[in-house]
Amino acid sequence: MRKKILFITGSLNQTSQMHQIASLLPDYDCWFSQIFSDAATAKFFEKHTSVIESTVMARRHRESTEKYLRAFGCQIDYKAVKNEYSLVVFCSDMVVPANLRQTKKIWVQEGMIDKMTIASHIVKFFGLPIWMAGNTSLNGSTNLCDIYCAASEGYKTALSERGADENRIIVTGIPNYDNLELFADNDFPHRDYVMVATTDLRETFRFENRPAFIRKAVKMANGKRLLFKLHPNENFARAEAEIRRYAPSDALIYHHGNTNEMIANCCELITQYSTVVYTGIALRKKVHSWFDTESLYRQMPIQNQGTSAENIAGICRSYIEFEGKGDKFLKNFIYRPVDPRPVVEELIAS
């Protein structure tokens, strides 16, 4: 029988990344589950509040993810009730259910990790569940997984500074953000605008003065046309009404669409807390972010011509076949990333 691997999904970006990795492991029996928690606190919040609906554990995210997976004929095992697994690949270690804690585990970075806040430091100091920080600032720092696949050396340093065991972190690059030059060739109909990529701060119970942010974006655009790309988790009706009120009437507003292609065609990118700022950097756009610019360049995901999924799949294959767990595996494992040169040569030839 083929060994079974469970991939934990979340947002569509996380799901797409997991799907890419699984597609490179056809010799294993791959299954998928939307992120879930079996903790009593999570069950309480789900039953008595609407807090869960502001997270990737929300029903709408699960429905969206499962629709995507079914379109590709993927096997779904929500909450891991159908099978016993030899390996679990996580998109977040903020929630690691008890029924999966004894299984071999690999964490894959999705994208940008939030800044540390006062709440983050309090949670860390008192050893509280890291989701209580109210953001992703401690994602990747729990050491609950055996191996951590990071976007860059800069993120490896950042994760270790937040408590992650440096010896468990392997810099693999991350799918969806490892070959951003590809988006420069696109058929998105607009060009030469100032793009604004918003964030779901309010939907995740954080403060934002959106009117002030829009006004600032208008000022920064200095007469150029604006294009707003809303975060998929936002309240679209509210966000669009605010833009129509505070931005020029010719401002473009997109709820959906390929964000990377929109960035490729802009002349300047304004972001809040969004991974897409890395697309702007990779495509040599002038970028603005609420993150420190030096940190962004330092943590920029490595561009390896789209070989990150293959790098991570290779680690999965090696670890699942290894007789033993984490520390012992890492002492013996020699990481050899996929050579991207054949990919580049193939692209040039085509």
Protein backbone atom coordinates (compact mmCIF):
# COMPACT_ATOMS: atom_id res chain seq x y z
CA MET A 1 0.00 0.00 0.00
CA ARG A 2 1.17 3.51 -0.77
CA LYS A 3 1.96 5.66 2.23
CA LYS A 4 -0.55 8.41 2.92
CA ILE A 5 0.25 12.13 3.18
CA LEU A 6 -2.19 14.71 4.49
CA PHE A 7 -1.86 18.32 3.28
CA ILE A 8 -3.43 20.96 5.53
CA THR A 9 -4.93 23.82 3.52
CA GLY A 10 -6.20 27.30 4.38
CA SER A 11 -6.54 30.22 1.97
CA LEU A 12 -6.62 29.55 -1.76
CA ASN A 13 -2.97 30.61 -1.91
CA GLN A 14 -2.04 28.04 0.73
CA THR A 15 -4.20 25.44 -0.98
CA SER A 16 -2.58 26.09 -4.35
CA GLN A 17 0.86 25.68 -2.82
CA MET A 18 -0.07 22.39 -1.16
CA HIS A 19 -1.61 21.13 -4.39
CA GLN A 20 1.58 21.90 -6.31
CA ILE A 21 3.66 19.94 -3.80
CA ALA A 22 1.25 16.99 -3.75
CA SER A 23 1.19 16.82 -7.55
CA LEU A 24 4.92 16.05 -7.43
CA LEU A 25 4.35 13.07 -5.12
CA PRO A 26 2.29 10.71 -7.33
CA ASP A 27 3.89 7.67 -5.70
CA TYR A 28 2.08 8.52 -2.43
CA ASP A 29 -1.60 8.57 -1.51
CA CYS A 30 -2.23 12.30 -1.02
CA TRP A 31 -5.22 13.73 0.85
CA PHE A 32 -6.26 17.25 1.86
CA SER A 33 -7.99 18.85 4.83
CA GLN A 34 -8.86 22.45 5.55
CA ILE A 35 -7.08 23.64 8.70
CA PHE A 36 -8.98 22.64 11.84
CA SER A 37 -8.64 22.54 15.59
CA ASP A 38 -9.80 19.95 18.09
CA ALA A 39 -9.03 22.19 21.09
CA ALA A 40 -11.82 22.94 23.56
CA THR A 41 -11.25 26.70 23.18
CA ALA A 42 -11.74 26.53 19.41
CA LYS A 43 -14.94 24.52 19.84
CA PHE A 44 -16.21 27.11 22.33
CA PHE A 45 -15.47 30.03 19.98
CA GLU A 46 -17.05 28.19 17.06
CA LYS A 47 -20.22 27.49 19.01
CA HIS A 48 -20.68 30.76 20.89
CA THR A 49 -18.99 33.49 18.81
CA SER A 50 -18.25 34.53 15.25
CA VAL A 51 -14.47 34.67 15.81
CA ILE A 52 -13.78 31.52 13.79
CA GLU A 53 -15.51 33.07 10.76
CA SER A 54 -12.75 35.69 10.57
CA THR A 55 -10.05 33.03 10.21
CA VAL A 56 -9.07 30.48 7.56
CA MET A 57 -11.10 27.95 9.55
CA ALA A 58 -14.25 29.77 8.44
CA ARG A 59 -16.85 27.78 6.53
CA ARG A 60 -16.52 29.98 3.43
CA HIS A 61 -12.78 29.28 3.20
CA ARG A 62 -13.36 25.56 3.56
CA GLU A 63 -16.02 25.63 0.84
CA SER A 64 -13.76 27.63 -1.49
CA THR A 65 -10.82 25.32 -0.86
CA GLU A 66 -12.80 22.13 -1.36
CA LYS A 67 -14.29 23.48 -4.59
CA TYR A 68 -10.74 24.09 -5.85
CA LEU A 69 -9.59 20.62 -4.78
CA ARG A 70 -12.55 18.82 -6.35
CA ALA A 71 -11.89 20.61 -9.63
CA PHE A 72 -8.53 18.83 -9.69
CA GLY A 73 -9.90 15.50 -8.50
CA CYS A 74 -8.10 15.70 -5.14
CA GLN A 75 -9.04 13.50 -2.20
CA ILE A 76 -10.52 15.29 0.82
CA ASP A 77 -10.38 14.10 4.43
CA TYR A 78 -11.60 17.00 6.55
CA LYS A 79 -10.31 16.70 10.13
CA ALA A 80 -8.31 13.57 9.20
CA VAL A 81 -11.01 11.07 10.15
CA LYS A 82 -10.73 8.67 7.21
CA ASN A 83 -7.09 7.60 7.34
CA GLU A 84 -3.92 7.17 9.34
CA TYR A 85 -1.11 9.24 7.83
CA SER A 86 2.64 8.76 7.55
CA LEU A 87 3.26 12.48 7.05
CA VAL A 88 1.32 15.73 7.50
CA VAL A 89 2.31 18.90 5.62
CA PHE A 90 1.09 22.06 7.37
CA CYS A 91 0.53 25.55 5.97
CA SER A 92 0.44 26.91 9.53
CA ASP A 93 1.61 25.64 12.91
CA MET A 94 -0.67 28.05 14.75
CA VAL A 95 -3.13 25.15 15.03
CA VAL A 96 -1.80 21.58 15.27
CA PRO A 97 -4.61 19.18 16.26
CA ALA A 98 -3.90 16.57 18.92
CA ASN A 99 -4.74 13.69 16.57
CA LEU A 100 -1.86 14.71 14.27
CA ARG A 101 0.83 15.57 16.82
CA GLN A 102 2.46 12.13 16.82
CA THR A 103 2.73 12.02 13.02
CA LYS A 104 5.77 13.25 11.09
CA LYS A 105 5.16 16.93 10.29
CA ILE A 106 6.52 19.46 7.81
CA TRP A 107 5.60 23.17 7.79
CA VAL A 108 5.59 25.19 4.59
CA GLN A 109 5.69 28.99 4.71
CA GLU A 110 2.83 30.53 2.77
CA GLY A 111 4.05 34.09 2.36
CA MET A 112 4.59 37.17 4.50
CA ILE A 113 4.53 36.74 8.28
CA ASP A 114 3.07 39.60 10.33
CA LYS A 115 5.07 41.96 12.52
CA MET A 116 5.52 41.19 16.19
CA THR A 117 3.12 43.24 18.31
CA ILE A 118 2.61 43.79 22.03
CA ALA A 119 0.07 40.97 21.95
CA SER A 120 2.63 38.70 20.22
CA HIS A 121 5.18 39.32 22.97
CA ILE A 122 2.61 38.74 25.72
CA VAL A 123 1.49 35.45 24.13
CA LYS A 124 5.10 34.35 23.75
CA PHE A 125 6.09 35.35 27.29
CA PHE A 126 3.20 33.51 28.95
CA GLY A 127 3.31 30.52 26.63
CA LEU A 128 -0.28 31.07 25.44
CA PRO A 129 -1.70 29.52 22.24
CA ILE A 130 -0.11 31.57 19.47
CA TRP A 131 -3.39 32.24 17.65
CA MET A 132 -4.22 34.52 20.59
CA ALA A 133 -1.75 37.07 19.16
CA GLY A 134 -4.49 37.89 16.64
CA ASN A 135 -2.14 37.72 13.64
CA THR A 136 0.43 35.44 11.98
CA SER A 137 3.46 36.92 13.73
CA LEU A 138 4.25 33.65 15.56
CA ASN A 139 3.40 31.30 12.70
CA GLY A 140 6.40 29.04 12.11
CA SER A 141 7.83 29.54 15.60
CA THR A 142 6.21 26.81 17.70
CA ASN A 143 8.62 23.95 16.93
CA LEU A 144 5.59 21.65 16.78
CA CYS A 145 6.64 20.54 13.30
CA ASP A 146 9.78 18.51 12.64
CA ILE A 147 10.92 20.45 9.56
CA TYR A 148 10.23 24.05 8.52
CA CYS A 149 10.46 25.09 4.85
CA ALA A 150 11.19 28.82 4.63
CA ALA A 151 11.02 31.36 1.82
CA SER A 152 14.52 32.80 2.26
CA GLU A 153 17.54 33.11 4.51
CA GLY A 154 16.03 36.34 5.81
CA TYR A 155 12.92 34.52 6.94
CA LYS A 156 15.02 31.74 8.45
CA THR A 157 16.69 34.36 10.62
CA ALA A 158 13.36 36.00 11.49
CA LEU A 159 11.76 32.69 12.46
CA SER A 160 14.70 31.69 14.65
CA GLU A 161 14.58 35.09 16.38
CA ARG A 162 10.93 34.37 17.25
CA GLY A 163 11.73 31.01 18.81
CA ALA A 164 11.98 28.52 15.97
CA ASP A 165 14.77 25.95 16.17
CA GLU A 166 17.20 27.10 13.47
CA ASN A 167 18.32 23.52 12.90
CA ARG A 168 14.81 22.57 11.75
CA ILE A 169 14.58 25.32 9.11
CA ILE A 170 15.46 24.60 5.48
CA VAL A 171 15.40 27.42 2.93
CA THR A 172 13.48 25.92 0.02
CA GLY A 173 11.69 28.92 -1.43
CA ILE A 174 7.89 28.87 -1.55
CA PRO A 175 5.54 28.04 -4.43
CA ASN A 176 3.61 30.96 -5.97
CA TYR A 177 6.36 33.44 -5.01
CA ASP A 178 9.49 31.84 -6.46
CA ASN A 179 9.22 32.78 -10.15
CA LEU A 180 7.56 36.19 -10.18
CA GLU A 181 9.16 37.35 -13.44
CA LEU A 182 6.64 35.13 -15.25
CA PHE A 183 3.85 37.60 -14.52
CA ALA A 184 5.47 40.35 -16.57
CA ASP A 185 4.02 38.74 -19.72
CA ASN A 186 0.25 39.02 -19.32
CA ASP A 187 -2.93 40.24 -20.97
CA PHE A 188 -4.34 42.30 -18.11
CA PRO A 189 -5.96 45.24 -19.95
CA HIS A 190 -4.74 48.20 -17.83
CA ARG A 191 -1.25 49.67 -17.46
CA ASP A 192 0.71 52.50 -15.83
CA TYR A 193 -1.52 53.00 -12.80
CA VAL A 194 -0.69 53.21 -9.10
CA MET A 195 -1.90 49.99 -7.54
CA VAL A 196 -3.18 49.68 -3.96
CA ALA A 197 -3.34 46.20 -2.41
CA THR A 198 -5.48 46.27 0.73
CA THR A 199 -5.53 43.94 3.73
CA ASP A 200 -8.24 42.32 5.87
CA LEU A 201 -7.21 44.07 9.09
CA ARG A 202 -10.76 44.91 10.17
CA GLU A 203 -12.08 41.47 9.31
CA THR A 204 -9.47 39.97 11.63
CA PHE A 205 -10.32 42.32 14.52
CA ARG A 206 -7.43 44.73 14.05
CA PHE A 207 -7.69 48.50 13.77
CA GLU A 208 -7.45 50.33 10.49
CA ASN A 209 -8.40 53.84 9.45
CA ARG A 210 -9.30 52.95 5.87
CA PRO A 211 -10.46 56.46 4.83
CA ALA A 212 -7.08 57.86 5.93
CA PHE A 213 -5.27 55.11 4.02
CA ILE A 214 -7.23 55.84 0.84
CA ARG A 215 -6.55 59.56 1.14
CA LYS A 216 -2.85 58.87 1.57
CA ALA A 217 -2.85 56.59 -1.50
CA VAL A 218 -4.54 59.34 -3.53
CA LYS A 219 -1.89 61.82 -2.43
CA MET A 220 0.93 59.39 -3.26
CA ALA A 221 -0.54 58.72 -6.70
CA ASN A 222 -0.16 62.44 -7.45
CA GLY A 223 -2.77 62.52 -10.19
CA LYS A 224 -2.11 59.09 -11.69
CA ARG A 225 -4.98 56.65 -12.00
CA LEU A 226 -5.47 54.30 -9.04
CA LEU A 227 -6.29 50.60 -9.10
CA PHE A 228 -7.47 48.99 -5.85
CA LYS A 229 -7.20 45.21 -5.44
CA LEU A 230 -9.17 44.15 -2.38
CA HIS A 231 -8.09 41.35 -0.08
CA PRO A 232 -10.26 38.24 -0.67
CA ASN A 233 -11.29 38.17 2.99
CA GLU A 234 -12.59 41.76 2.99
CA ASN A 235 -16.12 43.05 3.23
CA PHE A 236 -16.26 44.06 -0.44
CA ALA A 237 -19.36 46.25 -0.21
CA ARG A 238 -17.93 48.34 2.62
CA ALA A 239 -14.46 48.60 1.04
CA GLU A 240 -15.81 49.64 -2.36
CA ALA A 241 -18.13 52.25 -0.84
CA GLU A 242 -15.16 53.80 0.98
CA ILE A 243 -13.05 53.90 -2.17
CA ARG A 244 -15.87 55.52 -4.15
CA ARG A 245 -16.19 58.16 -1.44
CA TYR A 246 -12.53 59.05 -0.91
CA ALA A 247 -10.78 58.22 -4.20
CA PRO A 248 -11.21 59.81 -7.66
CA SER A 249 -14.18 58.56 -9.68
CA ASP A 250 -11.96 56.88 -12.29
CA ALA A 251 -10.31 54.58 -9.72
CA LEU A 252 -10.47 50.91 -10.71
CA ILE A 253 -11.62 48.37 -8.10
CA TYR A 254 -11.07 44.62 -8.36
CA HIS A 255 -12.46 42.03 -5.96
CA HIS A 256 -10.91 39.11 -7.84
CA GLY A 257 -8.34 38.52 -10.53
CA ASN A 258 -4.63 37.77 -10.81
CA THR A 259 -2.99 40.18 -8.37
CA ASN A 260 0.51 39.46 -9.64
CA GLU A 261 -0.44 40.42 -13.19
CA MET A 262 -1.99 43.64 -11.92
CA ILE A 263 1.26 44.43 -10.11
CA ALA A 264 3.31 43.63 -13.21
CA ASN A 265 1.43 46.32 -15.14
CA CYS A 266 1.50 49.05 -12.47
CA CYS A 267 4.05 51.83 -12.20
CA GLU A 268 3.96 51.93 -8.39
CA LEU A 269 2.64 49.62 -5.66
CA ILE A 270 1.14 50.65 -2.31
CA THR A 271 0.50 47.86 0.21
CA GLN A 272 -0.35 47.43 3.85
CA TYR A 273 0.52 43.99 5.25
CA SER A 274 0.54 41.91 2.09
CA THR A 275 2.83 39.25 0.62
CA VAL A 276 2.25 40.74 -2.82
CA VAL A 277 4.77 43.46 -1.99
CA TYR A 278 7.38 40.83 -2.89
CA THR A 279 5.94 40.65 -6.40
CA GLY A 280 6.50 44.38 -6.70
CA ILE A 281 10.09 44.04 -5.49
CA ALA A 282 10.81 41.12 -7.85
CA LEU A 283 9.40 43.08 -10.79
CA ARG A 284 11.41 46.17 -9.82
CA LYS A 285 8.45 48.39 -9.01
CA LYS A 286 8.55 51.29 -6.60
CA VAL A 287 6.89 49.81 -3.50
CA HIS A 288 5.40 51.17 -0.28
CA SER A 289 4.52 49.00 2.70
CA TRP A 290 3.75 49.19 6.39
CA PHE A 291 6.72 46.84 6.82
CA ASP A 292 10.28 48.12 7.05
CA THR A 293 11.67 48.24 3.50
CA GLU A 294 15.08 46.86 4.48
CA SER A 295 13.39 43.85 6.11
CA LEU A 296 11.33 43.25 2.99
CA TYR A 297 14.39 43.09 0.76
CA ARG A 298 16.20 40.91 3.29
CA GLN A 299 13.29 38.48 3.56
CA MET A 300 12.38 38.46 -0.13
CA PRO A 301 11.47 34.87 -1.17
CA ILE A 302 14.25 33.34 -3.25
CA GLN A 303 13.58 33.29 -6.98
CA ASN A 304 14.50 29.81 -8.17
CA GLN A 305 12.50 29.67 -11.42
CA GLY A 306 9.58 27.86 -9.83
CA THR A 307 11.39 24.90 -8.30
CA SER A 308 10.29 25.40 -4.66
CA ALA A 309 7.46 22.86 -4.83
CA GLU A 310 9.91 20.29 -6.15
CA ASN A 311 12.39 21.15 -3.37
CA ILE A 312 9.69 20.65 -0.73
CA ALA A 313 8.36 17.47 -2.35
CA GLY A 314 11.89 16.07 -2.26
CA ILE A 315 12.10 16.72 1.49
CA CYS A 316 8.69 15.10 1.99
CA ARG A 317 9.82 12.02 0.08
CA SER A 318 13.09 11.72 2.01
CA TYR A 319 11.45 12.23 5.41
CA ILE A 320 8.52 9.88 4.91
CA GLU A 321 10.91 7.08 3.91
CA PHE A 322 13.31 7.74 6.77
CA GLU A 323 13.13 5.32 9.68
CA GLY A 324 12.99 7.76 12.54
CA LYS A 325 11.86 11.30 13.31
CA GLY A 326 12.92 14.95 13.15
CA ASP A 327 16.27 15.50 14.84
CA LYS A 328 17.72 12.20 13.72
CA PHE A 329 16.57 12.80 10.14
CA LEU A 330 18.02 16.32 10.00
CA LYS A 331 21.40 15.13 11.30
CA ASN A 332 21.63 12.70 8.39
CA PHE A 333 19.84 14.67 5.68
CA ILE A 334 21.81 16.66 3.11
CA TYR A 335 19.56 19.17 1.39
CA ARG A 336 20.20 19.55 -2.33
CA PRO A 337 17.84 22.05 -3.96
CA VAL A 338 16.71 21.43 -7.52
CA ASP A 339 19.02 23.07 -10.05
CA PRO A 340 16.88 25.74 -11.77
CA ARG A 341 19.18 26.01 -14.81
CA PRO A 342 17.40 23.33 -16.89
CA VAL A 343 14.12 25.21 -16.28
CA VAL A 344 15.69 28.46 -17.50
CA GLU A 345 17.22 26.76 -20.54
CA GLU A 346 13.85 25.23 -21.42
CA LEU A 347 12.13 28.62 -21.16
CA ILE A 348 14.77 30.24 -23.36
CA ALA A 349 14.47 27.44 -25.96
CA SER A 350 10.67 27.83 -26.07
